[in-house]
Amino acid sequence: MRGPGAGGLHSGDDQHKISFSRLVGLRLGAEAAGQLGILGQTLGDSVRVSRMSAEIPVASGLASVTFDRGLYVVTATVTTIAGILAALPSWGFPGLCACMRVCSLLH
């Protein structure tokens, strides 16, 4: 059995039961609720799972939403770290700037 995918890409017979536009609408609704903090994120993701459960099993919807939220957290963390590293030279760390140039040449 294949693992769940982000945003509703499910394994087996569940793969094409929900339209892309419905998935986008559910995602945007959950993100709008997420603006209210951790309670809003919990409520938004719970609503997303429950709205998908009419077409797919709850376990598949829960796995999809969990995977999607985890991927969101990882990419937000990577983006934040990259932004901080990019801003360090302008904050008065000139040695870091030279180190970053050398590292970029190595890759």
Protein backbone atom coordinates (compact mmCIF):
# COMPACT_ATOMS: atom_id res chain seq x y z
CA MET A 1 0.00 0.00 0.00
CA ARG A 2 1.35 3.40 -0.96
CA GLY A 3 1.51 6.24 1.54
CA PRO A 4 -0.80 9.23 1.52
CA GLY A 5 -0.04 12.29 -0.53
CA ALA A 6 -0.38 15.96 0.28
CA GLY A 7 -3.70 17.61 -0.27
CA GLY A 8 -5.74 14.52 -1.05
CA LEU A 9 -3.60 12.31 -3.26
CA HIS A 10 -4.68 9.03 -1.76
CA SER A 11 -3.84 5.43 -2.49
CA GLY A 12 -6.20 2.91 -3.97
CA ASP A 13 -9.78 3.66 -5.00
CA ASP A 14 -9.84 6.99 -3.13
CA GLN A 15 -7.47 8.70 -5.53
CA HIS A 16 -9.96 10.46 -7.82
CA LYS A 17 -13.09 10.85 -5.68
CA ILE A 18 -12.48 14.50 -4.71
CA SER A 19 -12.01 17.19 -7.33
CA PHE A 20 -8.97 19.42 -7.28
CA SER A 21 -11.10 22.55 -6.89
CA ARG A 22 -12.80 21.07 -3.82
CA LEU A 23 -9.40 20.20 -2.30
CA VAL A 24 -8.17 23.74 -2.91
CA GLY A 25 -11.32 25.15 -1.33
CA LEU A 26 -10.90 22.93 1.73
CA ARG A 27 -7.24 23.91 2.01
CA LEU A 28 -7.99 27.63 1.77
CA GLY A 29 -10.77 27.32 4.32
CA ALA A 30 -8.48 25.50 6.74
CA GLU A 31 -5.75 28.12 6.27
CA ALA A 32 -8.26 30.92 6.86
CA ALA A 33 -9.30 29.28 10.14
CA GLY A 34 -5.61 28.80 10.93
CA GLN A 35 -5.19 32.57 11.16
CA LEU A 36 -6.85 32.32 14.57
CA GLY A 37 -3.84 30.50 16.04
CA ILE A 38 -3.35 26.91 17.12
CA LEU A 39 -7.05 26.52 17.95
CA GLY A 40 -7.96 27.74 14.46
CA GLN A 41 -5.48 25.35 12.84
CA THR A 42 -6.89 22.44 14.81
CA LEU A 43 -10.45 23.41 13.94
CA GLY A 44 -9.62 24.06 10.27
CA ASP A 45 -7.83 20.75 9.82
CA SER A 46 -10.63 18.90 11.64
CA VAL A 47 -13.21 20.46 9.34
CA ARG A 48 -11.08 19.52 6.32
CA VAL A 49 -10.94 15.87 7.43
CA SER A 50 -14.66 15.75 8.15
CA ARG A 51 -15.59 17.34 4.80
CA MET A 52 -13.45 14.80 2.94
CA SER A 53 -14.87 11.86 4.88
CA ALA A 54 -18.03 11.77 2.77
CA GLU A 55 -16.01 10.60 -0.25
CA ILE A 56 -13.03 8.83 1.32
CA PRO A 57 -12.35 6.93 4.56
CA VAL A 58 -11.57 9.06 7.60
CA ALA A 59 -8.18 7.36 8.01
CA SER A 60 -7.11 8.39 4.49
CA GLY A 61 -8.32 11.96 5.01
CA LEU A 62 -6.58 12.20 8.37
CA ALA A 63 -3.34 10.84 6.89
CA SER A 64 -3.53 13.30 4.01
CA VAL A 65 -4.15 16.32 6.25
CA THR A 66 -1.42 15.24 8.68
CA PHE A 67 1.09 14.80 5.85
CA ASP A 68 0.10 18.15 4.36
CA ARG A 69 0.48 19.95 7.71
CA GLY A 70 3.87 18.30 8.33
CA LEU A 71 5.10 19.30 4.88
CA TYR A 72 3.92 22.85 5.54
CA VAL A 73 5.83 23.01 8.84
CA VAL A 74 9.04 21.64 7.27
CA THR A 75 8.97 24.07 4.34
CA ALA A 76 8.19 27.01 6.63
CA THR A 77 11.16 26.07 8.81
CA VAL A 78 13.51 25.78 5.84
CA THR A 79 12.31 29.13 4.46
CA THR A 80 12.78 30.83 7.83
CA ILE A 81 16.31 29.47 8.24
CA ALA A 82 17.23 30.50 4.68
CA GLY A 83 15.89 34.00 5.31
CA ILE A 84 17.84 34.38 8.54
CA LEU A 85 21.05 33.15 6.89
CA ALA A 86 20.52 35.53 3.97
CA ALA A 87 20.00 38.47 6.36
CA LEU A 88 23.00 37.77 8.61
CA PRO A 89 25.57 39.58 6.41
CA SER A 90 23.50 42.75 6.49
CA TRP A 91 23.40 42.56 10.31
CA GLY A 92 27.15 42.95 10.55
CA PHE A 93 28.55 39.45 10.11
CA PRO A 94 30.98 39.99 7.20
CA GLY A 95 32.87 36.75 7.80
CA LEU A 96 29.67 34.83 7.26
CA CYS A 97 29.20 36.47 3.88
CA ALA A 98 32.58 35.16 2.70
CA CYS A 99 31.78 31.72 4.10
CA MET A 100 28.45 31.66 2.26
CA ARG A 101 30.18 32.56 -1.02
CA VAL A 102 32.64 29.71 -0.60
CA CYS A 103 29.84 27.27 0.25
CA SER A 104 27.83 28.36 -2.79
CA LEU A 105 30.85 27.76 -5.02
CA LEU A 106 31.26 24.24 -3.63
CA HIS A 107 27.71 23.28 -4.54
